[in-house]
Amino acid sequence: SSTPSEPGGPSATPGRARGGSVRSEIRQGKTATVGQVVAFKDPK
């Protein structure tokens, strides 16, 4: 992002994937008040 990180904070935007390939899908969120989501699974 063009916005610098806060001092002492994470170097990347929280929740941002930094690299690699993850199997995912775009679908409606499971919570009623959430719209479209990117869904994927972690190693467990």
All heavy atoms as atom14 arrays in JSON, in Angstrom:
{
  "sequence": "SSTPSEPGGPSATPGRARGGSVRSEIRQGKTATVGQVVAFKDPK",
  "atom14_mask": [
    [1, 1, 1, 1, 1, 1, 0, 0, 0, 0, 0, 0, 0, 0],
    [1, 1, 1, 1, 1, 1, 0, 0, 0, 0, 0, 0, 0, 0],
    [1, 1, 1, 1, 1, 1, 1, 0, 0, 0, 0, 0, 0, 0],
    [1, 1, 1, 1, 1, 1, 1, 0, 0, 0, 0, 0, 0, 0],
    [1, 1, 1, 1, 1, 1, 0, 0, 0, 0, 0, 0, 0, 0],
    [1, 1, 1, 1, 1, 1, 1, 1, 1, 0, 0, 0, 0, 0],
    [1, 1, 1, 1, 1, 1, 1, 0, 0, 0, 0, 0, 0, 0],
    [1, 1, 1, 1, 0, 0, 0, 0, 0, 0, 0, 0, 0, 0],
    [1, 1, 1, 1, 0, 0, 0, 0, 0, 0, 0, 0, 0, 0],
    [1, 1, 1, 1, 1, 1, 1, 0, 0, 0, 0, 0, 0, 0],
    [1, 1, 1, 1, 1, 1, 0, 0, 0, 0, 0, 0, 0, 0],
    [1, 1, 1, 1, 1, 0, 0, 0, 0, 0, 0, 0, 0, 0],
    [1, 1, 1, 1, 1, 1, 1, 0, 0, 0, 0, 0, 0, 0],
    [1, 1, 1, 1, 1, 1, 1, 0, 0, 0, 0, 0, 0, 0],
    [1, 1, 1, 1, 0, 0, 0, 0, 0, 0, 0, 0, 0, 0],
    [1, 1, 1, 1, 1, 1, 1, 1, 1, 1, 1, 0, 0, 0],
    [1, 1, 1, 1, 1, 0, 0, 0, 0, 0, 0, 0, 0, 0],
    [1, 1, 1, 1, 1, 1, 1, 1, 1, 1, 1, 0, 0, 0],
    [1, 1, 1, 1, 0, 0, 0, 0, 0, 0, 0, 0, 0, 0],
    [1, 1, 1, 1, 0, 0, 0, 0, 0, 0, 0, 0, 0, 0],
    [1, 1, 1, 1, 1, 1, 0, 0, 0, 0, 0, 0, 0, 0],
    [1, 1, 1, 1, 1, 1, 1, 0, 0, 0, 0, 0, 0, 0],
    [1, 1, 1, 1, 1, 1, 1, 1, 1, 1, 1, 0, 0, 0],
    [1, 1, 1, 1, 1, 1, 0, 0, 0, 0, 0, 0, 0, 0],
    [1, 1, 1, 1, 1, 1, 1, 1, 1, 0, 0, 0, 0, 0],
    [1, 1, 1, 1, 1, 1, 1, 1, 0, 0, 0, 0, 0, 0],
    [1, 1, 1, 1, 1, 1, 1, 1, 1, 1, 1, 0, 0, 0],
    [1, 1, 1, 1, 1, 1, 1, 1, 1, 0, 0, 0, 0, 0],
    [1, 1, 1, 1, 0, 0, 0, 0, 0, 0, 0, 0, 0, 0],
    [1, 1, 1, 1, 1, 1, 1, 1, 1, 0, 0, 0, 0, 0],
    [1, 1, 1, 1, 1, 1, 1, 0, 0, 0, 0, 0, 0, 0],
    [1, 1, 1, 1, 1, 0, 0, 0, 0, 0, 0, 0, 0, 0],
    [1, 1, 1, 1, 1, 1, 1, 0, 0, 0, 0, 0, 0, 0],
    [1, 1, 1, 1, 1, 1, 1, 0, 0, 0, 0, 0, 0, 0],
    [1, 1, 1, 1, 0, 0, 0, 0, 0, 0, 0, 0, 0, 0],
    [1, 1, 1, 1, 1, 1, 1, 1, 1, 0, 0, 0, 0, 0],
    [1, 1, 1, 1, 1, 1, 1, 0, 0, 0, 0, 0, 0, 0],
    [1, 1, 1, 1, 1, 1, 1, 0, 0, 0, 0, 0, 0, 0],
    [1, 1, 1, 1, 1, 0, 0, 0, 0, 0, 0, 0, 0, 0],
    [1, 1, 1, 1, 1, 1, 1, 1, 1, 1, 1, 0, 0, 0],
    [1, 1, 1, 1, 1, 1, 1, 1, 1, 0, 0, 0, 0, 0],
    [1, 1, 1, 1, 1, 1, 1, 1, 0, 0, 0, 0, 0, 0],
    [1, 1, 1, 1, 1, 1, 1, 0, 0, 0, 0, 0, 0, 0],
    [1, 1, 1, 1, 1, 1, 1, 1, 1, 0, 0, 0, 0, 0]
  ],
  "atom14_positions": [
    [[0.83, -1.19, 0.0], [0.0, 0.0, 0.0], [0.87, 1.24, 0.0], [1.99, 1.24, 0.5], [-0.91, -0.01, 1.23], [-1.56, 1.22, 1.38], [0.0, 0.0, 0.0], [0.0, 0.0, 0.0], [0.0, 0.0, 0.0], [0.0, 0.0, 0.0], [0.0, 0.0, 0.0], [0.0, 0.0, 0.0], [0.0, 0.0, 0.0], [0.0, 0.0, 0.0]],
    [[0.37, 2.35, -0.53], [1.13, 3.59, -0.53], [1.16, 4.25, 0.83], [1.91, 5.18, 1.07], [0.5, 4.57, -1.55], [-0.84, 4.83, -1.21], [0.0, 0.0, 0.0], [0.0, 0.0, 0.0], [0.0, 0.0, 0.0], [0.0, 0.0, 0.0], [0.0, 0.0, 0.0], [0.0, 0.0, 0.0], [0.0, 0.0, 0.0], [0.0, 0.0, 0.0]],
    [[0.31, 3.76, 1.74], [0.28, 4.33, 3.09], [1.33, 3.67, 3.94], [1.34, 2.45, 4.08], [-1.1, 4.12, 3.73], [-2.09, 4.7, 2.88], [-1.14, 4.77, 5.11], [0.0, 0.0, 0.0], [0.0, 0.0, 0.0], [0.0, 0.0, 0.0], [0.0, 0.0, 0.0], [0.0, 0.0, 0.0], [0.0, 0.0, 0.0], [0.0, 0.0, 0.0]],
    [[2.27, 4.41, 4.55], [3.32, 3.78, 5.37], [2.71, 3.14, 6.6], [1.69, 3.58, 7.12], [4.22, 4.97, 5.73], [3.33, 6.18, 5.63], [2.37, 5.87, 4.51], [0.0, 0.0, 0.0], [0.0, 0.0, 0.0], [0.0, 0.0, 0.0], [0.0, 0.0, 0.0], [0.0, 0.0, 0.0], [0.0, 0.0, 0.0], [0.0, 0.0, 0.0]],
    [[3.37, 2.09, 7.08], [2.88, 1.42, 8.28], [3.18, 2.26, 9.5], [4.09, 3.08, 9.51], [3.55, 0.03, 8.41], [4.95, 0.19, 8.51], [0.0, 0.0, 0.0], [0.0, 0.0, 0.0], [0.0, 0.0, 0.0], [0.0, 0.0, 0.0], [0.0, 0.0, 0.0], [0.0, 0.0, 0.0], [0.0, 0.0, 0.0], [0.0, 0.0, 0.0]],
    [[2.38, 2.04, 10.54], [2.58, 2.76, 11.79], [3.88, 2.29, 12.44], [4.27, 1.12, 12.31], [1.41, 2.5, 12.73], [0.1, 3.07, 12.22], [0.12, 4.58, 12.2], [0.83, 5.19, 13.03], [-0.56, 5.17, 11.36], [0.0, 0.0, 0.0], [0.0, 0.0, 0.0], [0.0, 0.0, 0.0], [0.0, 0.0, 0.0], [0.0, 0.0, 0.0]],
    [[4.57, 3.16, 13.17], [5.79, 2.75, 13.85], [5.52, 1.59, 14.78], [4.6, 1.64, 15.59], [6.2, 4.02, 14.63], [5.54, 5.14, 13.9], [4.26, 4.58, 13.36], [0.0, 0.0, 0.0], [0.0, 0.0, 0.0], [0.0, 0.0, 0.0], [0.0, 0.0, 0.0], [0.0, 0.0, 0.0], [0.0, 0.0, 0.0], [0.0, 0.0, 0.0]],
    [[6.32, 0.54, 14.63], [6.18, -0.61, 15.51], [5.07, -1.54, 15.11], [4.86, -2.57, 15.72], [0.0, 0.0, 0.0], [0.0, 0.0, 0.0], [0.0, 0.0, 0.0], [0.0, 0.0, 0.0], [0.0, 0.0, 0.0], [0.0, 0.0, 0.0], [0.0, 0.0, 0.0], [0.0, 0.0, 0.0], [0.0, 0.0, 0.0], [0.0, 0.0, 0.0]],
    [[4.29, -1.18, 14.08], [3.16, -2.0, 13.67], [3.55, -2.95, 12.57], [4.7, -3.0, 12.13], [0.0, 0.0, 0.0], [0.0, 0.0, 0.0], [0.0, 0.0, 0.0], [0.0, 0.0, 0.0], [0.0, 0.0, 0.0], [0.0, 0.0, 0.0], [0.0, 0.0, 0.0], [0.0, 0.0, 0.0], [0.0, 0.0, 0.0], [0.0, 0.0, 0.0]],
    [[2.59, -3.76, 12.09], [2.87, -4.72, 11.03], [3.34, -4.01, 9.78], [2.9, -2.91, 9.46], [1.51, -5.4, 10.82], [0.78, -5.17, 12.1], [1.23, -3.83, 12.6], [0.0, 0.0, 0.0], [0.0, 0.0, 0.0], [0.0, 0.0, 0.0], [0.0, 0.0, 0.0], [0.0, 0.0, 0.0], [0.0, 0.0, 0.0], [0.0, 0.0, 0.0]],
    [[4.25, -4.64, 9.05], [4.78, -4.05, 7.84], [3.82, -4.16, 6.67], [3.99, -3.52, 5.66], [6.11, -4.72, 7.48], [5.91, -6.11, 7.28], [0.0, 0.0, 0.0], [0.0, 0.0, 0.0], [0.0, 0.0, 0.0], [0.0, 0.0, 0.0], [0.0, 0.0, 0.0], [0.0, 0.0, 0.0], [0.0, 0.0, 0.0], [0.0, 0.0, 0.0]],
    [[2.81, -5.0, 6.82], [1.8, -5.14, 5.77], [0.44, -4.94, 6.38], [0.24, -5.07, 7.57], [1.89, -6.54, 5.14], [0.0, 0.0, 0.0], [0.0, 0.0, 0.0], [0.0, 0.0, 0.0], [0.0, 0.0, 0.0], [0.0, 0.0, 0.0], [0.0, 0.0, 0.0], [0.0, 0.0, 0.0], [0.0, 0.0, 0.0], [0.0, 0.0, 0.0]],
    [[-0.52, -4.59, 5.52], [-1.87, -4.38, 5.99], [-2.38, -5.66, 6.64], [-2.24, -6.74, 6.06], [-2.79, -4.01, 4.81], [-2.26, -2.87, 4.18], [-4.21, -3.75, 5.3], [0.0, 0.0, 0.0], [0.0, 0.0, 0.0], [0.0, 0.0, 0.0], [0.0, 0.0, 0.0], [0.0, 0.0, 0.0], [0.0, 0.0, 0.0], [0.0, 0.0, 0.0]],
    [[-2.98, -5.6, 7.85], [-3.47, -6.81, 8.5], [-4.4, -7.55, 7.58], [-5.29, -6.97, 6.95], [-4.21, -6.26, 9.74], [-3.54, -4.96, 10.01], [-3.19, -4.41, 8.65], [0.0, 0.0, 0.0], [0.0, 0.0, 0.0], [0.0, 0.0, 0.0], [0.0, 0.0, 0.0], [0.0, 0.0, 0.0], [0.0, 0.0, 0.0], [0.0, 0.0, 0.0]],
    [[-4.27, -8.87, 7.52], [-5.14, -9.68, 6.69], [-4.66, -9.8, 5.27], [-5.23, -10.54, 4.49], [0.0, 0.0, 0.0], [0.0, 0.0, 0.0], [0.0, 0.0, 0.0], [0.0, 0.0, 0.0], [0.0, 0.0, 0.0], [0.0, 0.0, 0.0], [0.0, 0.0, 0.0], [0.0, 0.0, 0.0], [0.0, 0.0, 0.0], [0.0, 0.0, 0.0]],
    [[-3.59, -9.08, 4.89], [-3.1, -9.11, 3.51], [-2.21, -10.32, 3.3], [-1.28, -10.55, 4.06], [-2.34, -7.83, 3.2], [-1.6, -7.89, 1.85], [-1.06, -6.54, 1.47], [-2.14, -5.61, 1.24], [-1.94, -4.32, 1.01], [-0.73, -3.82, 1.01], [-2.97, -3.52, 0.82], [0.0, 0.0, 0.0], [0.0, 0.0, 0.0], [0.0, 0.0, 0.0]],
    [[-2.48, -11.11, 2.28], [-1.64, -12.24, 1.95], [-0.37, -11.72, 1.32], [-0.39, -10.86, 0.45], [-2.38, -13.16, 0.98], [0.0, 0.0, 0.0], [0.0, 0.0, 0.0], [0.0, 0.0, 0.0], [0.0, 0.0, 0.0], [0.0, 0.0, 0.0], [0.0, 0.0, 0.0], [0.0, 0.0, 0.0], [0.0, 0.0, 0.0], [0.0, 0.0, 0.0]],
    [[0.78, -12.24, 1.73], [2.06, -11.7, 1.28], [2.61, -12.44, 0.07], [3.46, -11.94, -0.63], [3.07, -11.75, 2.42], [2.7, -10.83, 3.57], [3.76, -10.88, 4.63], [3.47, -9.9, 5.69], [4.24, -9.71, 6.73], [5.35, -10.41, 6.89], [3.92, -8.83, 7.65], [0.0, 0.0, 0.0], [0.0, 0.0, 0.0], [0.0, 0.0, 0.0]],
    [[2.22, -13.65, -0.16], [2.76, -14.37, -1.29], [2.4, -15.84, -1.21], [1.99, -16.34, -0.19], [0.0, 0.0, 0.0], [0.0, 0.0, 0.0], [0.0, 0.0, 0.0], [0.0, 0.0, 0.0], [0.0, 0.0, 0.0], [0.0, 0.0, 0.0], [0.0, 0.0, 0.0], [0.0, 0.0, 0.0], [0.0, 0.0, 0.0], [0.0, 0.0, 0.0]],
    [[2.56, -16.53, -2.33], [2.26, -17.94, -2.37], [0.95, -18.19, -3.09], [0.31, -17.28, -3.6], [0.0, 0.0, 0.0], [0.0, 0.0, 0.0], [0.0, 0.0, 0.0], [0.0, 0.0, 0.0], [0.0, 0.0, 0.0], [0.0, 0.0, 0.0], [0.0, 0.0, 0.0], [0.0, 0.0, 0.0], [0.0, 0.0, 0.0], [0.0, 0.0, 0.0]],
    [[0.56, -19.45, -3.16], [-0.66, -19.84, -3.85], [-1.59, -20.53, -2.88], [-1.21, -21.51, -2.23], [-0.33, -20.77, -5.02], [-1.5, -21.13, -5.72], [0.0, 0.0, 0.0], [0.0, 0.0, 0.0], [0.0, 0.0, 0.0], [0.0, 0.0, 0.0], [0.0, 0.0, 0.0], [0.0, 0.0, 0.0], [0.0, 0.0, 0.0], [0.0, 0.0, 0.0]],
    [[-2.79, -20.01, -2.73], [-3.78, -20.55, -1.81], [-5.06, -20.82, -2.59], [-5.56, -19.95, -3.31], [-4.08, -19.57, -0.66], [-5.15, -20.14, 0.25], [-2.81, -19.27, 0.12], [0.0, 0.0, 0.0], [0.0, 0.0, 0.0], [0.0, 0.0, 0.0], [0.0, 0.0, 0.0], [0.0, 0.0, 0.0], [0.0, 0.0, 0.0], [0.0, 0.0, 0.0]],
    [[-5.6, -22.02, -2.49], [-6.84, -22.38, -3.17], [-7.99, -21.63, -2.51], [-8.21, -21.74, -1.31], [-7.06, -23.88, -3.09], [-8.2, -24.4, -3.96], [-8.21, -25.93, -3.93], [-9.28, -26.48, -4.75], [-9.21, -26.64, -6.06], [-8.09, -26.3, -6.7], [-10.21, -27.15, -6.74], [0.0, 0.0, 0.0], [0.0, 0.0, 0.0], [0.0, 0.0, 0.0]],
    [[-8.74, -20.87, -3.3], [-9.77, -20.0, -2.73], [-10.96, -19.93, -3.66], [-10.94, -20.4, -4.8], [-9.2, -18.59, -2.51], [-8.81, -18.02, -3.74], [0.0, 0.0, 0.0], [0.0, 0.0, 0.0], [0.0, 0.0, 0.0], [0.0, 0.0, 0.0], [0.0, 0.0, 0.0], [0.0, 0.0, 0.0], [0.0, 0.0, 0.0], [0.0, 0.0, 0.0]],
    [[-12.04, -19.31, -3.15], [-13.23, -19.07, -3.96], [-13.89, -17.78, -3.51], [-13.75, -17.35, -2.36], [-14.23, -20.23, -3.84], [-14.8, -20.43, -2.44], [-15.88, -21.49, -2.39], [-16.5, -21.74, -3.44], [-16.11, -22.06, -1.31], [0.0, 0.0, 0.0], [0.0, 0.0, 0.0], [0.0, 0.0, 0.0], [0.0, 0.0, 0.0], [0.0, 0.0, 0.0]],
    [[-14.59, -17.14, -4.44], [-15.37, -15.94, -4.13], [-16.84, -16.35, -4.03], [-17.39, -16.95, -4.95], [-15.18, -14.87, -5.23], [-13.71, -14.44, -5.31], [-16.07, -13.66, -4.95], [-13.42, -13.49, -6.44], [0.0, 0.0, 0.0], [0.0, 0.0, 0.0], [0.0, 0.0, 0.0], [0.0, 0.0, 0.0], [0.0, 0.0, 0.0], [0.0, 0.0, 0.0]],
    [[-17.47, -16.03, -2.9], [-18.85, -16.43, -2.67], [-19.5, -15.49, -1.66], [-18.85, -14.58, -1.14], [-18.92, -17.87, -2.15], [-18.15, -18.09, -0.86], [-18.57, -19.38, -0.21], [-17.75, -19.74, 0.93], [-17.82, -19.15, 2.12], [-18.66, -18.16, 2.32], [-17.04, -19.56, 3.12], [0.0, 0.0, 0.0], [0.0, 0.0, 0.0], [0.0, 0.0, 0.0]],
    [[-20.77, -15.71, -1.41], [-21.5, -14.95, -0.41], [-21.01, -15.33, 0.98], [-20.78, -16.5, 1.28], [-23.0, -15.23, -0.51], [-23.86, -14.53, 0.54], [-23.86, -13.02, 0.39], [-23.72, -12.52, -0.72], [-23.99, -12.31, 1.49], [0.0, 0.0, 0.0], [0.0, 0.0, 0.0], [0.0, 0.0, 0.0], [0.0, 0.0, 0.0], [0.0, 0.0, 0.0]],
    [[-20.8, -14.34, 1.86], [-20.35, -14.61, 3.22], [-21.4, -15.38, 4.01], [-22.6, -15.3, 3.74], [0.0, 0.0, 0.0], [0.0, 0.0, 0.0], [0.0, 0.0, 0.0], [0.0, 0.0, 0.0], [0.0, 0.0, 0.0], [0.0, 0.0, 0.0], [0.0, 0.0, 0.0], [0.0, 0.0, 0.0], [0.0, 0.0, 0.0], [0.0, 0.0, 0.0]],
    [[-20.96, -16.11, 5.01], [-21.87, -16.91, 5.83], [-22.63, -16.07, 6.85], [-23.66, -16.48, 7.36], [-21.09, -18.02, 6.53], [-20.55, -19.07, 5.57], [-19.88, -20.22, 6.3], [-19.42, -21.29, 5.31], [-18.75, -22.43, 5.99], [0.0, 0.0, 0.0], [0.0, 0.0, 0.0], [0.0, 0.0, 0.0], [0.0, 0.0, 0.0], [0.0, 0.0, 0.0]],
    [[-22.1, -14.87, 7.17], [-22.81, -13.95, 8.05], [-23.78, -13.12, 7.24], [-23.42, -12.61, 6.18], [-21.81, -13.03, 8.78], [-20.87, -13.83, 9.51], [-22.53, -12.09, 9.74], [0.0, 0.0, 0.0], [0.0, 0.0, 0.0], [0.0, 0.0, 0.0], [0.0, 0.0, 0.0], [0.0, 0.0, 0.0], [0.0, 0.0, 0.0], [0.0, 0.0, 0.0]],
    [[-25.0, -12.96, 7.74], [-26.05, -12.33, 6.95], [-25.71, -10.92, 6.5], [-26.12, -10.48, 5.42], [-27.35, -12.33, 7.76], [0.0, 0.0, 0.0], [0.0, 0.0, 0.0], [0.0, 0.0, 0.0], [0.0, 0.0, 0.0], [0.0, 0.0, 0.0], [0.0, 0.0, 0.0], [0.0, 0.0, 0.0], [0.0, 0.0, 0.0], [0.0, 0.0, 0.0]],
    [[-24.97, -10.17, 7.3], [-24.69, -8.76, 6.99], [-23.38, -8.57, 6.22], [-22.94, -7.45, 6.03], [-24.64, -7.94, 8.29], [-23.67, -8.52, 9.17], [-26.0, -7.92, 8.97], [0.0, 0.0, 0.0], [0.0, 0.0, 0.0], [0.0, 0.0, 0.0], [0.0, 0.0, 0.0], [0.0, 0.0, 0.0], [0.0, 0.0, 0.0], [0.0, 0.0, 0.0]],
    [[-22.77, -9.66, 5.79], [-21.54, -9.59, 5.0], [-21.85, -9.95, 3.55], [-22.61, -10.87, 3.28], [-20.47, -10.57, 5.56], [-19.26, -10.63, 4.64], [-20.05, -10.13, 6.95], [0.0, 0.0, 0.0], [0.0, 0.0, 0.0], [0.0, 0.0, 0.0], [0.0, 0.0, 0.0], [0.0, 0.0, 0.0], [0.0, 0.0, 0.0], [0.0, 0.0, 0.0]],
    [[-21.26, -9.21, 2.61], [-21.5, -9.47, 1.2], [-20.58, -10.54, 0.65], [-20.41, -11.6, 1.23], [0.0, 0.0, 0.0], [0.0, 0.0, 0.0], [0.0, 0.0, 0.0], [0.0, 0.0, 0.0], [0.0, 0.0, 0.0], [0.0, 0.0, 0.0], [0.0, 0.0, 0.0], [0.0, 0.0, 0.0], [0.0, 0.0, 0.0], [0.0, 0.0, 0.0]],
    [[-19.94, -10.23, -0.48], [-19.03, -11.17, -1.12], [-17.75, -11.31, -0.3], [-17.24, -10.34, 0.26], [-18.68, -10.69, -2.53], [-19.85, -10.74, -3.5], [-20.16, -12.17, -3.93], [-19.34, -12.83, -4.55], [-21.36, -12.63, -3.62], [0.0, 0.0, 0.0], [0.0, 0.0, 0.0], [0.0, 0.0, 0.0], [0.0, 0.0, 0.0], [0.0, 0.0, 0.0]],
    [[-17.22, -12.53, -0.23], [-16.0, -12.81, 0.5], [-15.06, -13.64, -0.37], [-15.49, -14.28, -1.33], [-16.27, -13.57, 1.83], [-17.22, -12.8, 2.7], [-16.81, -14.97, 1.55], [0.0, 0.0, 0.0], [0.0, 0.0, 0.0], [0.0, 0.0, 0.0], [0.0, 0.0, 0.0], [0.0, 0.0, 0.0], [0.0, 0.0, 0.0], [0.0, 0.0, 0.0]],
    [[-13.78, -13.59, -0.03], [-12.8, -14.54, -0.56], [-12.61, -15.59, 0.52], [-12.2, -15.28, 1.64], [-11.46, -13.87, -0.9], [-10.45, -14.9, -1.37], [-11.65, -12.8, -1.96], [0.0, 0.0, 0.0], [0.0, 0.0, 0.0], [0.0, 0.0, 0.0], [0.0, 0.0, 0.0], [0.0, 0.0, 0.0], [0.0, 0.0, 0.0], [0.0, 0.0, 0.0]],
    [[-12.94, -16.85, 0.22], [-12.9, -17.93, 1.2], [-11.8, -18.92, 0.87], [-11.6, -19.27, -0.29], [-14.25, -18.64, 1.26], [0.0, 0.0, 0.0], [0.0, 0.0, 0.0], [0.0, 0.0, 0.0], [0.0, 0.0, 0.0], [0.0, 0.0, 0.0], [0.0, 0.0, 0.0], [0.0, 0.0, 0.0], [0.0, 0.0, 0.0], [0.0, 0.0, 0.0]],
    [[-11.07, -19.34, 1.91], [-10.02, -20.33, 1.74], [-9.79, -21.0, 3.08], [-10.4, -20.64, 4.08], [-8.72, -19.7, 1.22], [-8.18, -18.6, 2.09], [-7.23, -18.86, 3.07], [-8.65, -17.29, 1.95], [-6.75, -17.84, 3.88], [-8.16, -16.27, 2.75], [-7.21, -16.55, 3.71], [0.0, 0.0, 0.0], [0.0, 0.0, 0.0], [0.0, 0.0, 0.0]],
    [[-8.92, -22.01, 3.11], [-8.66, -22.76, 4.34], [-7.19, -22.69, 4.71], [-6.32, -22.64, 3.84], [-9.08, -24.22, 4.17], [-10.59, -24.4, 4.01], [-10.97, -25.86, 3.9], [-12.5, -26.02, 3.77], [-12.88, -27.44, 3.66], [0.0, 0.0, 0.0], [0.0, 0.0, 0.0], [0.0, 0.0, 0.0], [0.0, 0.0, 0.0], [0.0, 0.0, 0.0]],
    [[-6.92, -22.72, 6.03], [-5.54, -22.75, 6.49], [-5.08, -24.21, 6.57], [-5.86, -25.12, 6.27], [-5.4, -22.0, 7.83], [-5.95, -22.77, 9.02], [-6.49, -23.88, 8.84], [-5.85, -22.25, 10.15], [0.0, 0.0, 0.0], [0.0, 0.0, 0.0], [0.0, 0.0, 0.0], [0.0, 0.0, 0.0], [0.0, 0.0, 0.0], [0.0, 0.0, 0.0]],
    [[-3.82, -24.47, 6.93], [-3.31, -25.84, 6.89], [-4.05, -26.85, 7.75], [-3.96, -28.05, 7.5], [-1.86, -25.68, 7.36], [-1.47, -24.32, 6.94], [-2.71, -23.5, 7.16], [0.0, 0.0, 0.0], [0.0, 0.0, 0.0], [0.0, 0.0, 0.0], [0.0, 0.0, 0.0], [0.0, 0.0, 0.0], [0.0, 0.0, 0.0], [0.0, 0.0, 0.0]],
    [[-4.8, -26.43, 8.77], [-5.54, -27.38, 9.58], [-6.99, -27.52, 9.14], [-7.77, -28.22, 9.8], [-5.47, -27.0, 11.06], [-6.05, -25.67, 11.4], [-5.99, -25.44, 12.9], [-6.26, -24.01, 13.28], [-7.28, -23.33, 12.5], [0.0, 0.0, 0.0], [0.0, 0.0, 0.0], [0.0, 0.0, 0.0], [0.0, 0.0, 0.0], [0.0, 0.0, 0.0]]
  ]
}
